[in-house]
Amino acid sequence: MLLSVVLTNLNEGATIQEFIARCGSALDKLKQDFDIDGEMIFVDDHSRDFSPNLIKESIKSDKRIRILQMTRQMGRDICFFAGLKVAKGDLVVTMDSDLQDPPELFADLVKLWQSTDADVVNTHMVERHGETLYKRIMLKLSYRILAASYPFKYSIDCGNFKLLTRRAVNEILRSGEVDPYFRAYTDWVGLKQAYLPFKRQPRFAGETNFSLGRTRSYLEFFRAWTHFSYFPLHLPFFVGVIFFIGTLIGVWSMAGSFNQNTLLLTVVSFGFSGLFFIVWLFGFYLRQVHTATRNRPHYIVNEAVNLDH
């Protein structure tokens, strides 16, 4: 049996050698305890530091290491999909190479997989060390908004560090989306899930490439929100209802005492309510286009019994 570790790398020169050493030791332990071979697949998202060179140098002493380099910065999700496509393992672990997700948990992930027979073993972050209070609050809020909006169970406080069976990998790769959101795909496929609690550690070294102070971080949330949820398309309806209520209040007010300003506000409210309702209707057509073009599988069969193929 082979376990592939798919890793994203972006300017992790200060961390990469320590990561390779610890990841190699964790794979050695898997071989010793479970007779599972391992490989490391680094997907480098066009790093501008010396980390790709360090990875290539490490290949000379450890043939389990592979590297896939992007021509430009494609984004973490694209990198994960690229890594899954070249991973040969019966099991695949996805993670970042900044050591906030410890490779020493590989053995625990495999044990939980064996005991639960789950296709996806998530790491559940019960604590997040080395992060500001603001970031922890915003991340918790974001997870819960997504969970409430998605039409399937979304694993709250679970990141990209997880173990996937070959079946889960194959189902995820069936999607032909151009701009995938990897973190939720492992929930969307609907396969059996298991959860391993752990405490996320601070960065080993260097600076994070993800900051809530950047506009890109908030755009990433909206990308995740709209990727699996159509709830934002219904927001114009609720705004239209508010304006329509304002219209009714205006009509009721003028019934008692006519006022020119009230009439003007009533007409404006009625106009805006109609406008938002029309935008809401256009949203339904946009939804059909989005559904037709994202190229997801229509369904995933969990089990077929007594059927001829």
Protein backbone atom coordinates (compact mmCIF):
# COMPACT_ATOMS: atom_id res chain seq x y z
CA MET A 1 0.00 0.00 0.00
CA LEU A 2 1.18 3.50 -0.83
CA LEU A 3 0.36 6.79 0.91
CA SER A 4 0.87 9.98 -1.10
CA VAL A 5 1.35 13.25 0.74
CA VAL A 6 0.21 16.13 -1.49
CA LEU A 7 1.73 19.39 -0.29
CA THR A 8 1.28 22.98 -1.38
CA ASN A 9 4.35 25.17 -1.21
CA LEU A 10 4.58 28.94 -1.57
CA ASN A 11 7.73 30.72 -0.40
CA GLU A 12 8.37 28.31 2.50
CA GLY A 13 12.17 28.42 2.25
CA ALA A 14 12.57 28.94 6.01
CA THR A 15 10.49 25.86 6.77
CA ILE A 16 10.94 23.38 3.95
CA GLN A 17 14.02 21.49 5.19
CA GLU A 18 12.54 20.95 8.64
CA PHE A 19 9.28 19.87 7.04
CA ILE A 20 11.00 17.33 4.77
CA ALA A 21 12.90 15.89 7.73
CA ARG A 22 9.78 15.52 9.88
CA CYS A 23 7.62 14.28 7.02
CA GLY A 24 10.27 11.72 6.10
CA SER A 25 10.38 10.48 9.68
CA ALA A 26 6.58 10.22 9.76
CA LEU A 27 6.60 8.17 6.56
CA ASP A 28 9.32 5.92 8.00
CA LYS A 29 7.08 5.28 11.00
CA LEU A 30 4.17 4.38 8.70
CA LYS A 31 6.39 1.85 6.95
CA GLN A 32 7.52 0.39 10.26
CA ASP A 33 4.11 0.25 11.99
CA PHE A 34 1.69 -0.30 9.11
CA ASP A 35 3.89 -1.52 6.22
CA ILE A 36 2.72 1.48 4.17
CA ASP A 37 5.14 3.06 1.70
CA GLY A 38 5.07 6.82 1.21
CA GLU A 39 5.79 9.59 -1.25
CA MET A 40 5.88 13.39 -0.93
CA ILE A 41 4.46 15.42 -3.80
CA PHE A 42 5.27 19.11 -3.47
CA VAL A 43 3.11 21.33 -5.64
CA ASP A 44 4.97 24.62 -5.80
CA ASP A 45 2.70 27.59 -6.51
CA HIS A 46 5.40 29.60 -8.32
CA SER A 47 7.48 30.40 -5.24
CA ARG A 48 9.79 33.38 -5.55
CA ASP A 49 12.22 32.20 -2.89
CA PHE A 50 14.73 29.32 -2.86
CA SER A 51 12.32 26.66 -1.53
CA PRO A 52 11.92 24.84 -4.91
CA ASN A 53 15.69 24.48 -5.13
CA LEU A 54 15.82 23.04 -1.62
CA ILE A 55 13.15 20.50 -2.56
CA LYS A 56 15.06 19.48 -5.68
CA GLU A 57 18.24 19.10 -3.67
CA SER A 58 16.42 16.87 -1.19
CA ILE A 59 15.36 14.53 -4.01
CA LYS A 60 19.02 13.43 -4.32
CA SER A 61 18.93 11.93 -0.83
CA ASP A 62 15.25 10.91 -0.67
CA LYS A 63 13.69 9.45 -3.83
CA ARG A 64 10.24 9.57 -2.24
CA ILE A 65 10.13 13.32 -2.96
CA ARG A 66 8.57 14.70 -6.14
CA ILE A 67 7.87 18.28 -7.18
CA LEU A 68 5.34 19.85 -9.50
CA GLN A 69 5.94 23.52 -10.28
CA MET A 70 3.32 25.94 -11.56
CA THR A 71 4.20 28.43 -14.34
CA ARG A 72 2.56 31.18 -12.29
CA GLN A 73 0.68 31.47 -9.02
CA MET A 74 -2.49 29.42 -9.54
CA GLY A 75 -3.84 29.29 -5.99
CA ARG A 76 -3.86 26.64 -3.29
CA ASP A 77 -6.99 24.84 -4.51
CA ILE A 78 -5.67 24.38 -8.04
CA CYS A 79 -2.42 23.06 -6.55
CA PHE A 80 -4.25 20.46 -4.50
CA PHE A 81 -6.16 19.25 -7.56
CA ALA A 82 -2.93 19.10 -9.56
CA GLY A 83 -1.32 17.05 -6.81
CA LEU A 84 -4.25 14.66 -6.58
CA LYS A 85 -4.02 13.99 -10.32
CA VAL A 86 -0.42 12.80 -10.10
CA ALA A 87 -0.68 11.05 -6.71
CA LYS A 88 -0.46 7.27 -7.03
CA GLY A 89 -1.28 6.37 -3.44
CA ASP A 90 -4.09 4.14 -2.21
CA LEU A 91 -4.33 6.80 0.51
CA VAL A 92 -3.64 10.51 0.03
CA VAL A 93 -2.91 13.11 2.69
CA THR A 94 -3.33 16.77 1.72
CA MET A 95 -1.64 19.54 3.70
CA ASP A 96 0.44 22.72 3.55
CA SER A 97 4.19 22.68 4.11
CA ASP A 98 4.34 25.38 6.82
CA LEU A 99 4.33 22.83 9.71
CA GLN A 100 1.17 24.21 11.29
CA ASP A 101 -0.22 20.79 10.38
CA PRO A 102 2.20 18.26 11.95
CA PRO A 103 3.27 15.25 9.83
CA GLU A 104 3.50 13.27 13.07
CA LEU A 105 -0.30 12.85 12.84
CA PHE A 106 -0.03 10.58 9.78
CA ALA A 107 -0.10 7.48 11.96
CA ASP A 108 -3.18 8.72 13.85
CA LEU A 109 -4.96 9.45 10.57
CA VAL A 110 -4.24 5.94 9.30
CA LYS A 111 -5.39 4.38 12.61
CA LEU A 112 -8.66 6.31 12.48
CA TRP A 113 -9.16 5.32 8.85
CA GLN A 114 -8.65 1.66 9.73
CA SER A 115 -11.03 1.78 12.69
CA THR A 116 -13.83 3.73 10.98
CA ASP A 117 -13.43 2.69 7.33
CA ALA A 118 -14.09 6.33 6.43
CA ASP A 119 -13.24 7.67 2.97
CA VAL A 120 -12.32 11.08 4.38
CA VAL A 121 -10.50 11.54 7.69
CA ASN A 122 -10.50 15.23 8.63
CA THR A 123 -8.32 16.93 11.21
CA HIS A 124 -10.54 19.00 13.47
CA MET A 125 -8.83 22.10 14.88
CA VAL A 126 -9.90 22.32 18.53
CA GLU A 127 -7.31 25.06 19.15
CA ARG A 128 -5.44 27.44 16.83
CA HIS A 129 -2.18 28.63 18.36
CA GLY A 130 -0.18 31.55 17.03
CA GLU A 131 -3.16 33.40 15.57
CA THR A 132 -4.76 36.65 16.66
CA LEU A 133 -8.14 36.77 18.39
CA TYR A 134 -9.56 38.67 15.42
CA LYS A 135 -8.46 35.98 12.97
CA ARG A 136 -9.84 33.16 15.13
CA ILE A 137 -13.21 34.91 15.45
CA MET A 138 -13.44 35.66 11.72
CA LEU A 139 -12.50 32.11 10.76
CA LYS A 140 -15.06 30.61 13.13
CA LEU A 141 -17.73 32.97 11.80
CA SER A 142 -16.82 32.15 8.20
CA TYR A 143 -16.99 28.41 8.79
CA ARG A 144 -20.43 28.72 10.32
CA ILE A 145 -21.83 30.94 7.58
CA LEU A 146 -20.66 28.42 4.99
CA ALA A 147 -22.06 25.50 6.99
CA ALA A 148 -25.46 27.19 7.29
CA SER A 149 -25.54 28.02 3.56
CA TYR A 150 -24.31 24.82 1.97
CA PRO A 151 -26.90 22.17 1.00
CA PHE A 152 -24.74 19.45 2.57
CA LYS A 153 -22.97 18.94 5.89
CA TYR A 154 -19.83 21.10 5.95
CA SER A 155 -17.03 20.12 8.32
CA ILE A 156 -16.59 23.13 10.60
CA ASP A 157 -13.07 24.01 11.81
CA CYS A 158 -11.50 21.46 9.47
CA GLY A 159 -8.86 22.69 7.06
CA ASN A 160 -7.01 21.14 4.12
CA PHE A 161 -5.09 18.69 6.30
CA LYS A 162 -6.92 15.40 5.80
CA LEU A 163 -6.62 11.81 4.60
CA LEU A 164 -8.49 10.62 1.52
CA THR A 165 -8.99 7.11 0.20
CA ARG A 166 -8.43 6.40 -3.48
CA ARG A 167 -12.19 6.28 -3.93
CA ALA A 168 -12.59 9.79 -2.49
CA VAL A 169 -9.76 11.09 -4.68
CA ASN A 170 -11.31 9.62 -7.82
CA GLU A 171 -14.73 11.10 -7.05
CA ILE A 172 -13.23 14.54 -6.42
CA LEU A 173 -11.25 14.40 -9.66
CA ARG A 174 -14.40 13.63 -11.65
CA SER A 175 -15.25 17.31 -11.38
CA GLY A 176 -14.04 19.38 -14.30
CA GLU A 177 -14.43 22.78 -12.66
CA VAL A 178 -12.04 25.51 -13.72
CA ASP A 179 -11.99 27.26 -10.33
CA PRO A 180 -12.51 24.55 -7.68
CA TYR A 181 -12.83 25.05 -3.94
CA PHE A 182 -11.01 22.01 -2.56
CA ARG A 183 -11.84 22.24 1.14
CA ALA A 184 -15.57 21.69 0.65
CA TYR A 185 -15.27 19.06 -2.10
CA THR A 186 -14.41 16.38 0.42
CA ASP A 187 -17.78 17.06 2.10
CA TRP A 188 -19.71 17.54 -1.15
CA VAL A 189 -18.95 14.01 -2.40
CA GLY A 190 -21.01 12.70 0.53
CA LEU A 191 -18.69 9.84 1.49
CA LYS A 192 -18.19 8.63 5.05
CA GLN A 193 -16.28 11.11 7.23
CA ALA A 194 -14.21 10.77 10.39
CA TYR A 195 -12.63 13.48 12.55
CA LEU A 196 -9.30 13.61 14.37
CA PRO A 197 -9.04 16.43 16.96
CA PHE A 198 -5.74 18.28 17.08
CA LYS A 199 -4.25 21.56 18.18
CA ARG A 200 -2.93 23.61 15.29
CA GLN A 201 0.53 24.95 15.98
CA PRO A 202 2.07 28.34 15.13
CA ARG A 203 4.24 28.59 12.05
CA PHE A 204 7.66 26.98 12.45
CA ALA A 205 9.36 29.90 10.67
CA GLY A 206 8.77 32.59 8.08
CA GLU A 207 5.65 34.64 7.45
CA THR A 208 2.19 33.49 6.49
CA ASN A 209 0.97 33.87 2.92
CA PHE A 210 -2.60 34.18 4.19
CA SER A 211 -3.66 37.30 6.07
CA LEU A 212 -7.16 38.50 6.93
CA GLY A 213 -5.88 42.03 6.46
CA ARG A 214 -5.69 41.49 2.72
CA THR A 215 -8.63 42.01 0.37
CA ARG A 216 -7.85 38.68 -1.24
CA SER A 217 -8.78 36.86 1.97
CA TYR A 218 -12.31 38.28 1.97
CA LEU A 219 -12.68 37.58 -1.76
CA GLU A 220 -11.68 33.99 -0.99
CA PHE A 221 -14.54 33.75 1.51
CA PHE A 222 -17.08 34.96 -1.05
CA ARG A 223 -15.64 32.53 -3.60
CA ALA A 224 -16.13 29.71 -1.11
CA TRP A 225 -19.63 30.96 -0.22
CA THR A 226 -20.86 31.11 -3.81
CA HIS A 227 -19.12 27.91 -4.89
CA PHE A 228 -21.62 25.56 -3.28
CA SER A 229 -24.41 27.84 -2.08
CA TYR A 230 -27.08 29.76 -3.98
CA PHE A 231 -28.17 31.64 -0.87
CA PRO A 232 -26.51 34.92 -2.00
CA LEU A 233 -28.77 34.89 -5.07
CA HIS A 234 -31.77 35.16 -2.75
CA LEU A 235 -30.50 38.28 -0.97
CA PRO A 236 -32.21 40.64 -3.49
CA PHE A 237 -35.53 39.00 -2.56
CA PHE A 238 -35.12 39.88 1.12
CA VAL A 239 -34.07 43.44 0.25
CA GLY A 240 -37.10 43.70 -2.05
CA VAL A 241 -39.37 42.56 0.79
CA ILE A 242 -37.97 45.31 3.03
CA PHE A 243 -38.70 47.97 0.42
CA PHE A 244 -42.17 46.51 -0.20
CA ILE A 245 -42.93 46.70 3.53
CA GLY A 246 -41.85 50.34 3.34
CA THR A 247 -44.32 50.81 0.50
CA LEU A 248 -47.17 49.34 2.57
CA ILE A 249 -46.26 51.55 5.52
CA GLY A 250 -46.31 54.59 3.23
CA VAL A 251 -49.73 53.68 1.83
CA TRP A 252 -51.10 53.12 5.34
CA SER A 253 -49.65 56.48 6.46
CA MET A 254 -51.21 58.38 3.55
CA ALA A 255 -54.58 56.76 4.22
CA GLY A 256 -54.73 58.73 7.45
CA SER A 257 -53.08 61.94 6.28
CA PHE A 258 -51.85 62.67 2.75
CA ASN A 259 -48.33 64.03 2.55
CA GLN A 260 -46.37 64.78 -0.62
CA ASN A 261 -43.05 63.63 0.87
CA THR A 262 -44.63 60.40 2.04
CA LEU A 263 -46.01 59.82 -1.45
CA LEU A 264 -42.57 60.31 -2.94
CA LEU A 265 -40.96 57.86 -0.50
CA THR A 266 -43.74 55.34 -1.14
CA VAL A 267 -43.26 55.50 -4.90
CA VAL A 268 -39.47 55.16 -4.53
CA SER A 269 -39.86 52.21 -2.16
CA PHE A 270 -42.25 50.51 -4.54
CA GLY A 271 -39.85 51.06 -7.45
CA PHE A 272 -36.88 49.63 -5.54
CA SER A 273 -38.91 46.62 -4.36
CA GLY A 274 -39.84 45.84 -7.97
CA LEU A 275 -36.24 46.29 -9.08
CA PHE A 276 -34.88 43.88 -6.45
CA PHE A 277 -37.56 41.31 -7.24
CA ILE A 278 -36.56 41.45 -10.92
CA VAL A 279 -32.88 41.02 -9.98
CA TRP A 280 -33.91 38.04 -7.85
CA LEU A 281 -35.68 36.45 -10.82
CA PHE A 282 -32.64 37.00 -13.03
CA GLY A 283 -30.66 35.20 -10.34
CA PHE A 284 -32.61 32.01 -11.03
CA TYR A 285 -31.54 32.10 -14.68
CA LEU A 286 -27.96 32.78 -13.58
CA ARG A 287 -28.20 29.75 -11.32
CA GLN A 288 -29.17 27.55 -14.27
CA VAL A 289 -26.20 28.78 -16.28
CA HIS A 290 -23.85 28.25 -13.35
CA THR A 291 -25.17 24.74 -12.76
CA ALA A 292 -24.77 23.80 -16.43
CA THR A 293 -21.20 25.13 -16.80
CA ARG A 294 -19.49 23.98 -13.58
CA ASN A 295 -19.40 20.38 -14.89
CA ARG A 296 -19.87 18.51 -11.61
CA PRO A 297 -21.04 14.88 -11.66
CA HIS A 298 -24.83 14.64 -11.54
CA TYR A 299 -24.67 12.10 -8.72
CA ILE A 300 -22.33 9.78 -6.83
CA VAL A 301 -23.48 6.22 -6.09
CA ASN A 302 -22.57 4.91 -2.66
CA GLU A 303 -23.51 1.27 -3.31
CA ALA A 304 -25.26 -0.75 -6.03
CA VAL A 305 -26.87 -4.07 -5.11
CA ASN A 306 -28.16 -6.71 -7.55
CA LEU A 307 -27.73 -4.50 -10.60
CA ASP A 308 -26.34 -5.66 -13.93
CA HIS A 309 -23.59 -3.46 -15.40
